Amino acid sequence: MESIVPVSNGELWADDSGDGGLPLVLLHPGVGDSTIWDPVRPTLTERHRVIRYDVRGFGRSPAPTTPYSLAEDLTAVLDHFGLSRAVLVGSSMGGATAISLALDAPDRVAGLALLVPGVTGYEELLPSGFLQEVEKLARAGDMEGVVQLGLNISGRAGGGTPDTDPVAAAHLRSALPAWFGNAAHQRADAPAFDRLGEIAAPTLLALGELDHPEVVRCNEEMAARIPGCRLVRLAASDHFPTLREPDTVARLIEELYADAH
């Protein structure tokens, strides 16, 4: 069931499949909105209560107008649905948010399934010059150039062009307003990379072997720092694992869920 979740000076669109049991909360990446979970969500909802939401400015959530924190908004979502604990499934940006909550409120996180995750406090996640090139293209009004640049880096499994990879391109295109509209308002959550050794929840980290090398290296280092983390290498995935290997992703989430406590 769809609902609007009040957050500090704003609101988020969310969807709750209902039913009981320990819930799964799906946190989308910055290269798309919550519809990126569509290929795996039907499998998950067969057995679990599944909640997903759009971050401010993405999908069906209004753009931010005041400062906000991704981790604080996640806490507001859990509170809205009356969840004392949940299994968090985070992709890229969503993975960073899940990690932040696992460190700030470990009693609320029963397990972490991290897909090509980001993490605060790691400075070399993007290729050198990427943000400058995005800014240059944006100033020229070339939004399709930004999409192409994003696919060059994040969508290599799909051929790296909007023509060969229209679904990933559409996700990227839909995220661009948030890329440019959220920066003035988003407050970075506290650095987490150097605290990964404090994570106590069962954790699975799946990296895409076709992802950009900086992301692959970061994910390897993250998995090495998280106690007991299970590292899985997705041979056919880049930064869009739910699009590239949805059956495998769903299976891995189920396996992590079975270890959650």
Protein backbone atom coordinates (compact mmCIF):
# COMPACT_ATOMS: atom_id res chain seq x y z
CA MET A 1 0.00 0.00 0.00
CA GLU A 2 1.32 3.42 -0.95
CA SER A 3 1.66 6.12 1.69
CA ILE A 4 3.24 9.49 2.36
CA VAL A 5 5.80 9.54 5.16
CA PRO A 6 6.37 12.83 6.99
CA VAL A 7 10.02 13.71 7.50
CA SER A 8 11.72 16.84 8.79
CA ASN A 9 10.38 19.74 6.69
CA GLY A 10 9.25 17.40 3.96
CA GLU A 11 7.70 14.08 2.98
CA LEU A 12 8.58 10.85 1.21
CA TRP A 13 6.61 8.48 -0.98
CA ALA A 14 6.70 4.91 0.34
CA ASP A 15 5.17 1.54 -0.41
CA ASP A 16 4.46 -1.25 2.10
CA SER A 17 3.54 -4.74 0.92
CA GLY A 18 1.96 -5.48 4.30
CA ASP A 19 1.87 -8.74 6.27
CA GLY A 20 3.94 -9.45 9.35
CA GLY A 21 7.35 -10.78 10.25
CA LEU A 22 10.72 -9.09 10.25
CA PRO A 23 10.48 -6.59 7.35
CA LEU A 24 12.84 -5.90 4.50
CA VAL A 25 13.45 -2.22 3.76
CA LEU A 26 14.79 -1.52 0.27
CA LEU A 27 17.01 1.55 -0.20
CA HIS A 28 17.56 2.61 -3.80
CA PRO A 29 20.78 3.89 -5.42
CA GLY A 30 21.50 7.38 -6.68
CA VAL A 31 21.32 6.12 -10.28
CA GLY A 32 17.57 5.54 -10.02
CA ASP A 33 14.57 5.60 -7.74
CA SER A 34 12.69 2.87 -5.89
CA THR A 35 11.37 1.36 -9.15
CA ILE A 36 14.85 -0.07 -9.62
CA TRP A 37 13.70 -2.78 -7.19
CA ASP A 38 10.86 -3.87 -9.51
CA PRO A 39 12.75 -6.88 -10.94
CA VAL A 40 13.30 -8.41 -7.47
CA ARG A 41 10.39 -7.10 -5.38
CA PRO A 42 7.73 -9.66 -6.48
CA THR A 43 9.96 -12.55 -5.38
CA LEU A 44 10.64 -10.93 -2.02
CA THR A 45 7.01 -10.06 -1.28
CA GLU A 46 5.98 -13.69 -1.71
CA ARG A 47 7.54 -14.43 1.70
CA HIS A 48 8.23 -11.12 3.43
CA ARG A 49 6.87 -7.73 4.31
CA VAL A 50 8.75 -5.36 1.98
CA ILE A 51 8.93 -1.58 2.33
CA ARG A 52 10.56 0.73 -0.17
CA TYR A 53 10.60 4.49 -0.54
CA ASP A 54 11.89 7.27 -2.75
CA VAL A 55 14.59 9.53 -1.32
CA ARG A 56 13.76 13.24 -1.46
CA GLY A 57 13.80 14.50 -5.03
CA PHE A 58 13.74 10.99 -6.53
CA GLY A 59 10.73 9.27 -8.06
CA ARG A 60 7.49 10.26 -6.36
CA SER A 61 9.05 12.12 -3.42
CA PRO A 62 9.08 15.94 -3.53
CA ALA A 63 12.39 17.73 -3.88
CA PRO A 64 13.95 18.99 -0.64
CA THR A 65 13.63 22.62 0.32
CA THR A 66 15.62 22.55 3.58
CA PRO A 67 18.63 20.60 4.91
CA TYR A 68 18.09 16.87 5.41
CA SER A 69 19.99 13.69 6.20
CA LEU A 70 19.54 10.37 4.41
CA ALA A 71 20.04 8.41 7.64
CA GLU A 72 17.60 10.58 9.56
CA ASP A 73 15.00 10.13 6.82
CA LEU A 74 15.47 6.35 7.00
CA THR A 75 14.86 6.51 10.75
CA ALA A 76 11.69 8.50 10.09
CA VAL A 77 10.50 5.80 7.67
CA LEU A 78 11.10 3.05 10.24
CA ASP A 79 9.26 5.08 12.87
CA HIS A 80 6.34 5.80 10.54
CA PHE A 81 5.77 2.09 9.93
CA GLY A 82 6.32 1.20 13.59
CA LEU A 83 9.43 -0.85 12.91
CA SER A 84 11.72 -1.41 15.85
CA ARG A 85 14.02 -3.58 13.70
CA ALA A 86 14.40 -4.42 10.03
CA VAL A 87 16.68 -6.06 7.49
CA LEU A 88 18.09 -3.27 5.33
CA VAL A 89 18.82 -3.87 1.65
CA GLY A 90 20.78 -0.97 0.21
CA SER A 91 22.15 -0.41 -3.28
CA SER A 92 24.92 2.16 -3.85
CA MET A 93 23.66 5.36 -2.13
CA GLY A 94 21.12 3.22 -0.26
CA GLY A 95 23.92 0.99 0.96
CA ALA A 96 25.70 3.98 2.47
CA THR A 97 22.49 4.98 4.24
CA ALA A 98 21.97 1.47 5.59
CA ILE A 99 25.53 1.40 6.94
CA SER A 100 25.06 4.77 8.63
CA LEU A 101 21.99 3.50 10.48
CA ALA A 102 23.70 0.23 11.41
CA LEU A 103 26.41 2.29 13.11
CA ASP A 104 24.13 4.93 14.65
CA ALA A 105 21.34 2.59 15.82
CA PRO A 106 22.61 -1.02 15.70
CA ASP A 107 19.63 -2.29 17.70
CA ARG A 108 17.34 -1.39 14.78
CA VAL A 109 19.27 -3.30 12.09
CA ALA A 110 18.79 -7.07 12.02
CA GLY A 111 20.85 -7.59 8.88
CA LEU A 112 22.51 -5.77 5.99
CA ALA A 113 22.37 -6.77 2.34
CA LEU A 114 24.64 -4.33 0.52
CA LEU A 115 24.64 -4.21 -3.28
CA VAL A 116 27.52 -2.29 -4.93
CA PRO A 117 27.35 -0.04 -1.83
CA GLY A 118 28.72 3.40 -1.24
CA VAL A 119 29.99 4.49 2.14
CA THR A 120 30.56 7.89 3.72
CA GLY A 121 34.16 8.79 4.49
CA TYR A 122 35.66 7.11 1.41
CA GLU A 123 37.10 9.79 -0.85
CA GLU A 124 37.95 7.93 -4.07
CA LEU A 125 34.63 6.36 -5.07
CA LEU A 126 34.13 8.41 -8.26
CA PRO A 127 36.59 8.51 -11.16
CA SER A 128 38.87 11.53 -11.33
CA GLY A 129 37.20 14.41 -13.15
CA PHE A 130 33.72 12.85 -13.20
CA LEU A 131 31.94 15.60 -11.28
CA GLN A 132 33.69 18.31 -13.29
CA GLU A 133 32.58 16.67 -16.54
CA VAL A 134 29.00 16.35 -15.26
CA GLU A 135 29.01 20.04 -14.35
CA LYS A 136 30.40 20.99 -17.77
CA LEU A 137 27.70 19.00 -19.59
CA ALA A 138 24.96 20.38 -17.36
CA ARG A 139 26.05 23.98 -17.98
CA ALA A 140 25.82 23.25 -21.69
CA GLY A 141 22.32 21.85 -21.22
CA ASP A 142 23.43 18.43 -22.45
CA MET A 143 21.47 16.14 -20.11
CA GLU A 144 21.74 13.23 -22.54
CA GLY A 145 25.49 13.70 -22.36
CA VAL A 146 25.26 13.28 -18.59
CA VAL A 147 23.26 10.08 -19.07
CA GLN A 148 25.87 8.78 -21.50
CA LEU A 149 28.67 9.65 -19.08
CA GLY A 150 26.86 7.82 -16.30
CA LEU A 151 26.44 4.73 -18.45
CA ASN A 152 30.11 4.83 -19.46
CA ILE A 153 31.00 4.48 -15.79
CA SER A 154 28.11 2.58 -14.22
CA GLY A 155 26.36 0.70 -17.03
CA ARG A 156 29.11 -1.17 -18.82
CA ALA A 157 27.29 -4.52 -18.64
CA GLY A 158 24.56 -3.08 -20.85
CA GLY A 159 26.88 -1.79 -23.55
CA GLY A 160 27.34 1.67 -22.12
CA THR A 161 24.90 3.59 -24.35
CA PRO A 162 21.20 4.58 -24.13
CA ASP A 163 20.53 2.62 -27.31
CA THR A 164 22.01 -0.64 -26.04
CA ASP A 165 20.81 -0.18 -22.45
CA PRO A 166 17.53 1.78 -22.51
CA VAL A 167 16.25 0.61 -19.11
CA ALA A 168 19.37 1.67 -17.20
CA ALA A 169 19.43 4.90 -19.21
CA ALA A 170 15.84 5.63 -18.19
CA HIS A 171 16.71 5.11 -14.51
CA LEU A 172 19.68 7.46 -14.81
CA ARG A 173 17.60 10.04 -16.67
CA SER A 174 14.95 10.00 -13.95
CA ALA A 175 17.59 10.60 -11.27
CA LEU A 176 19.15 13.70 -12.83
CA PRO A 177 16.78 16.25 -11.22
CA ALA A 178 17.81 14.92 -7.80
CA TRP A 179 21.51 14.98 -8.75
CA PHE A 180 21.31 18.70 -9.42
CA GLY A 181 18.53 19.70 -7.04
CA ASN A 182 19.49 17.90 -3.83
CA ALA A 183 23.11 18.96 -3.45
CA ALA A 184 22.31 22.30 -1.84
CA HIS A 185 20.19 20.65 0.86
CA GLN A 186 21.64 17.20 1.62
CA ARG A 187 23.75 17.05 4.78
CA ALA A 188 26.39 14.34 4.62
CA ASP A 189 26.00 11.66 7.26
CA ALA A 190 28.98 11.04 9.53
CA PRO A 191 32.01 9.28 7.99
CA ALA A 192 31.51 5.52 8.26
CA PHE A 193 34.39 3.89 6.37
CA ASP A 194 36.77 3.93 9.31
CA ARG A 195 34.04 2.57 11.60
CA LEU A 196 33.01 -0.44 9.51
CA GLY A 197 34.64 -2.73 12.06
CA GLU A 198 31.90 -1.73 14.51
CA ILE A 199 29.08 -3.27 12.44
CA ALA A 200 27.54 -6.12 14.40
CA ALA A 201 24.67 -7.16 12.11
CA PRO A 202 25.04 -10.11 9.71
CA THR A 203 26.22 -8.55 6.44
CA LEU A 204 26.41 -9.58 2.81
CA LEU A 205 28.15 -7.38 0.25
CA ALA A 206 27.67 -8.05 -3.46
CA LEU A 207 29.94 -6.19 -5.86
CA GLY A 208 29.58 -6.00 -9.62
CA GLU A 209 32.70 -7.22 -11.36
CA LEU A 210 31.86 -4.99 -14.34
CA ASP A 211 31.41 -1.93 -12.13
CA HIS A 212 33.92 0.92 -12.25
CA PRO A 213 37.28 -0.13 -10.75
CA GLU A 214 37.09 2.50 -7.99
CA VAL A 215 33.78 1.05 -6.80
CA VAL A 216 35.06 -2.52 -6.97
CA ARG A 217 38.13 -1.61 -4.94
CA CYS A 218 36.05 0.26 -2.37
CA ASN A 219 33.63 -2.67 -2.04
CA GLU A 220 36.50 -5.11 -1.52
CA GLU A 221 37.95 -2.91 1.21
CA MET A 222 34.54 -2.51 2.84
CA ALA A 223 33.94 -6.25 2.96
CA ALA A 224 37.38 -6.80 4.50
CA ARG A 225 36.61 -4.31 7.27
CA ILE A 226 33.10 -5.51 8.20
CA PRO A 227 33.30 -8.39 10.72
CA GLY A 228 32.08 -11.65 9.23
CA CYS A 229 30.96 -10.01 5.99
CA ARG A 230 30.15 -12.38 3.15
CA LEU A 231 31.57 -11.00 -0.11
CA VAL A 232 29.88 -12.09 -3.35
CA ARG A 233 31.16 -11.19 -6.81
CA LEU A 234 28.46 -10.77 -9.45
CA ALA A 235 30.18 -11.60 -12.72
CA ALA A 236 27.48 -10.16 -14.99
CA SER A 237 26.74 -6.98 -13.01
CA ASP A 238 27.90 -3.40 -13.09
CA HIS A 239 26.29 -0.70 -10.90
CA PHE A 240 22.78 -1.97 -11.73
CA PRO A 241 22.69 -5.46 -10.16
CA THR A 242 18.88 -5.57 -9.80
CA LEU A 243 18.64 -5.10 -13.59
CA ARG A 244 21.48 -7.42 -14.56
CA GLU A 245 21.05 -10.41 -12.22
CA PRO A 246 17.66 -10.05 -10.48
CA ASP A 247 17.25 -13.74 -9.64
CA THR A 248 20.69 -13.91 -8.05
CA VAL A 249 20.09 -10.67 -6.14
CA ALA A 250 16.78 -11.97 -4.79
CA ARG A 251 18.42 -15.23 -3.72
CA LEU A 252 21.25 -13.42 -1.96
CA ILE A 253 18.78 -11.21 -0.08
CA GLU A 254 16.89 -14.31 1.03
CA GLU A 255 20.12 -15.93 2.23
CA LEU A 256 21.07 -12.84 4.22
CA TYR A 257 17.55 -12.66 5.64
CA ALA A 258 17.91 -16.24 6.91
CA ASP A 259 21.00 -15.15 8.90
CA ALA A 260 19.39 -12.00 10.33
CA HIS A 261 18.65 -11.83 14.04
